[in-house]
Amino acid sequence: MAIRFLNNESVKQLSDEELISKFSKTKKQTYFEELYRRYVHLSYGVCLKMLKNESDSHDVVSEVFKILFTKLPTANVKSFKSYLYAVSRNECIAKLRQRKSESKKLAEWQLTENTSNDFMENGELVALLDGEPSLDDEIQKAVEQLGNEQQTCIRLFFYEDKSYKDIALQTGYSEKQVKSYLQNGKRNLRIMLEETMRKRIA
């Protein structure tokens, strides 16, 4: 949702309650824009404190105001600041749960690799993966460095629990290609994450 700021002094004079009321009644974006201008920094501060990642925080703030734009007209809001804080916090919690889920899925396949004495199979990696937000960032970076085919198959298989057949139907790849992209993608991810782990324990 694009936010345009209008130089409207009369709108700037309105209280939060008046802005909410007028926006709810008229659905005019001007009133919502003023609420955004006043409090976007508050939402970003909450997100940055909880997520400790600027990019994720910006993404969540954008999502927060999309939610507010939709829900505000029918919500019984006593304090916009409190309502904004609650929505921002809830979206951050959802984001953290997503991170945890993604890390868990990647840890699961790392532990099922059959390479003997593989660095990625030992308990040290699992301990580092568990509840380490900064490592989640490393995992995301590693996935993003994969080729398009490998990245697509990795995300569908591990993040969305798709089967080989489902991925083949969705992407147009053959099941044999899907299996190959997954194997090569896992191998490439393991190499990148091994290097990350070695740097952390060095």
Protein backbone atom coordinates (compact mmCIF):
# COMPACT_ATOMS: atom_id res chain seq x y z
CA MET A 1 0.00 0.00 0.00
CA ALA A 2 1.56 3.29 -1.08
CA ILE A 3 1.37 6.07 1.48
CA ARG A 4 1.07 9.62 0.13
CA PHE A 5 1.43 12.51 2.51
CA LEU A 6 -0.80 15.49 1.85
CA ASN A 7 0.06 18.94 3.07
CA ASN A 8 -3.25 19.52 4.81
CA GLU A 9 -2.86 21.67 7.92
CA SER A 10 -6.47 21.14 9.02
CA VAL A 11 -5.94 17.38 9.12
CA LYS A 12 -2.76 17.80 11.16
CA GLN A 13 -4.73 19.71 13.78
CA LEU A 14 -7.06 16.77 14.43
CA SER A 15 -6.62 14.47 17.41
CA ASP A 16 -6.03 10.76 16.96
CA GLU A 17 -9.62 10.07 17.94
CA GLU A 18 -10.93 12.56 15.39
CA LEU A 19 -8.75 11.10 12.65
CA ILE A 20 -9.99 7.59 13.42
CA SER A 21 -13.60 8.75 13.47
CA LYS A 22 -13.35 10.65 10.19
CA PHE A 23 -11.47 7.84 8.49
CA SER A 24 -14.02 5.31 9.69
CA LYS A 25 -16.91 7.39 8.39
CA THR A 26 -15.48 8.66 5.09
CA LYS A 27 -12.76 6.06 4.26
CA LYS A 28 -10.68 9.01 3.01
CA GLN A 29 -7.01 8.07 2.95
CA THR A 30 -5.95 11.56 4.04
CA TYR A 31 -6.92 10.83 7.64
CA PHE A 32 -5.13 7.50 7.69
CA GLU A 33 -2.00 9.07 6.20
CA GLU A 34 -1.80 11.43 9.14
CA LEU A 35 -2.00 8.56 11.62
CA TYR A 36 0.75 6.82 9.65
CA ARG A 37 2.91 9.96 9.72
CA ARG A 38 2.52 10.31 13.47
CA TYR A 39 3.15 6.72 14.49
CA VAL A 40 5.12 4.81 11.85
CA HIS A 41 8.27 5.35 13.93
CA LEU A 42 6.57 3.75 16.95
CA SER A 43 5.65 0.63 15.02
CA TYR A 44 9.14 0.40 13.55
CA GLY A 45 10.70 0.77 17.00
CA VAL A 46 8.60 -2.08 18.39
CA CYS A 47 9.45 -4.30 15.43
CA LEU A 48 13.16 -3.56 15.51
CA LYS A 49 13.33 -4.29 19.22
CA MET A 50 11.60 -7.64 18.79
CA LEU A 51 13.03 -8.80 15.45
CA LYS A 52 16.50 -7.20 15.61
CA ASN A 53 16.54 -6.99 11.84
CA GLU A 54 15.93 -3.80 9.85
CA SER A 55 14.65 -5.44 6.67
CA ASP A 56 12.19 -7.69 8.51
CA SER A 57 11.07 -4.74 10.63
CA HIS A 58 10.27 -2.62 7.57
CA ASP A 59 8.33 -5.53 6.06
CA VAL A 60 6.30 -6.05 9.23
CA VAL A 61 5.55 -2.32 9.61
CA SER A 62 4.18 -2.30 6.07
CA GLU A 63 1.99 -5.29 6.92
CA VAL A 64 0.84 -3.67 10.18
CA PHE A 65 -0.47 -0.57 8.42
CA LYS A 66 -2.17 -2.66 5.75
CA ILE A 67 -4.00 -4.44 8.56
CA LEU A 68 -4.88 -1.16 10.27
CA PHE A 69 -6.16 0.34 7.02
CA THR A 70 -8.58 -2.56 6.69
CA LYS A 71 -9.61 -3.06 10.30
CA LEU A 72 -9.60 0.45 11.74
CA PRO A 73 -13.00 1.53 10.36
CA THR A 74 -14.79 -1.28 12.22
CA ALA A 75 -12.55 -1.64 15.28
CA ASN A 76 -13.55 -0.14 18.60
CA VAL A 77 -10.28 1.71 19.20
CA LYS A 78 -9.89 3.66 22.43
CA SER A 79 -6.23 4.53 21.89
CA PHE A 80 -4.62 4.35 18.45
CA LYS A 81 -1.15 4.17 19.99
CA SER A 82 -2.10 1.14 22.12
CA TYR A 83 -3.90 -0.53 19.23
CA LEU A 84 -0.91 0.04 16.95
CA TYR A 85 1.44 -1.40 19.55
CA ALA A 86 -0.72 -4.51 19.94
CA VAL A 87 -0.97 -5.15 16.20
CA SER A 88 2.76 -4.54 15.72
CA ARG A 89 3.63 -6.90 18.56
CA ASN A 90 1.31 -9.64 17.24
CA GLU A 91 2.77 -9.40 13.74
CA CYS A 92 6.30 -9.59 15.16
CA ILE A 93 5.39 -12.71 17.15
CA ALA A 94 4.01 -14.27 13.96
CA LYS A 95 7.25 -13.39 12.16
CA LEU A 96 9.36 -14.91 14.93
CA ARG A 97 7.29 -18.09 14.83
CA GLN A 98 7.84 -18.26 11.08
CA ARG A 99 11.59 -17.90 11.61
CA LYS A 100 11.54 -20.66 14.20
CA SER A 101 9.57 -22.94 11.91
CA GLU A 102 11.92 -22.34 9.01
CA SER A 103 14.99 -22.99 11.15
CA LYS A 104 13.44 -26.18 12.51
CA LYS A 105 12.67 -27.47 9.02
CA LEU A 106 16.20 -26.80 7.83
CA ALA A 107 17.63 -28.43 10.95
CA GLU A 108 15.49 -31.51 10.30
CA TRP A 109 16.92 -32.17 6.88
CA GLN A 110 20.42 -31.35 8.06
CA LEU A 111 20.10 -34.14 10.63
CA THR A 112 18.81 -36.63 8.08
CA GLU A 113 21.78 -36.25 5.75
CA ASN A 114 23.63 -39.57 5.51
CA THR A 115 27.18 -38.24 5.21
CA SER A 116 29.36 -39.81 7.91
CA ASN A 117 30.99 -37.48 10.43
CA ASP A 118 29.35 -34.55 8.70
CA PHE A 119 29.77 -31.29 10.57
CA MET A 120 26.14 -30.44 9.90
CA GLU A 121 24.89 -33.53 11.74
CA ASN A 122 26.40 -32.86 15.13
CA GLY A 123 24.54 -31.46 18.12
CA GLU A 124 26.51 -28.25 18.02
CA LEU A 125 24.66 -27.07 14.93
CA VAL A 126 21.26 -27.83 16.42
CA ALA A 127 22.15 -25.88 19.57
CA LEU A 128 23.19 -22.91 17.50
CA LEU A 129 20.10 -23.10 15.33
CA ASP A 130 17.73 -23.19 18.29
CA GLY A 131 16.49 -19.68 19.06
CA GLU A 132 19.27 -17.83 17.23
CA PRO A 133 17.62 -15.04 15.21
CA SER A 134 20.84 -13.92 13.54
CA LEU A 135 21.40 -17.43 12.23
CA ASP A 136 17.95 -17.37 10.71
CA ASP A 137 19.20 -14.44 8.67
CA GLU A 138 22.19 -16.50 7.53
CA ILE A 139 19.86 -19.33 6.49
CA GLN A 140 17.68 -16.95 4.51
CA LYS A 141 20.75 -15.46 2.82
CA ALA A 142 22.00 -18.91 1.95
CA VAL A 143 18.66 -19.95 0.45
CA GLU A 144 18.54 -16.73 -1.57
CA GLN A 145 21.98 -17.51 -3.03
CA LEU A 146 20.74 -20.76 -4.58
CA GLY A 147 19.80 -20.93 -8.24
CA ASN A 148 16.16 -20.28 -9.05
CA GLU A 149 15.26 -23.95 -9.50
CA GLN A 150 16.98 -25.11 -6.30
CA GLN A 151 15.60 -22.20 -4.28
CA THR A 152 12.05 -22.83 -5.50
CA CYS A 153 12.19 -26.53 -4.69
CA ILE A 154 13.81 -25.97 -1.27
CA ARG A 155 11.16 -23.41 -0.26
CA LEU A 156 8.24 -25.54 -1.47
CA PHE A 157 9.54 -28.77 0.06
CA PHE A 158 10.81 -27.56 3.45
CA TYR A 159 8.80 -24.40 4.07
CA GLU A 160 5.45 -25.41 2.55
CA ASP A 161 5.61 -29.20 3.09
CA LYS A 162 5.01 -29.96 -0.59
CA SER A 163 5.67 -33.46 -1.94
CA TYR A 164 7.82 -34.17 -5.00
CA LYS A 165 4.63 -34.65 -6.99
CA ASP A 166 3.10 -31.38 -5.73
CA ILE A 167 6.25 -29.45 -6.60
CA ALA A 168 6.38 -31.02 -10.06
CA LEU A 169 2.76 -30.03 -10.72
CA GLN A 170 3.28 -26.50 -9.44
CA THR A 171 6.57 -25.79 -11.20
CA GLY A 172 6.38 -27.86 -14.35
CA TYR A 173 9.59 -29.73 -13.46
CA SER A 174 9.63 -33.50 -13.65
CA GLU A 175 9.76 -35.38 -10.35
CA LYS A 176 13.27 -36.49 -11.26
CA GLN A 177 14.29 -32.85 -11.73
CA VAL A 178 12.66 -31.90 -8.42
CA LYS A 179 14.64 -34.60 -6.61
CA SER A 180 17.86 -33.45 -8.27
CA TYR A 181 17.25 -29.76 -7.47
CA LEU A 182 16.52 -30.65 -3.84
CA GLN A 183 19.62 -32.80 -3.47
CA ASN A 184 21.88 -30.21 -5.06
CA GLY A 185 20.20 -27.39 -3.16
CA LYS A 186 20.66 -29.16 0.18
CA ARG A 187 24.28 -29.85 -0.61
CA ASN A 188 24.93 -26.21 -1.51
CA LEU A 189 23.10 -24.98 1.58
CA ARG A 190 25.07 -27.36 3.77
CA ILE A 191 28.34 -26.04 2.38
CA MET A 192 27.33 -22.42 3.00
CA LEU A 193 25.96 -23.11 6.48
CA GLU A 194 28.99 -25.18 7.46
CA GLU A 195 31.15 -22.18 6.68
CA THR A 196 28.88 -19.97 8.79
CA MET A 197 29.08 -22.42 11.71
CA ARG A 198 32.84 -22.68 11.52
CA LYS A 199 33.15 -18.90 11.69
CA ARG A 200 30.87 -18.79 14.75
CA ILE A 201 32.81 -21.38 16.74
CA ALA A 202 36.27 -20.34 15.58
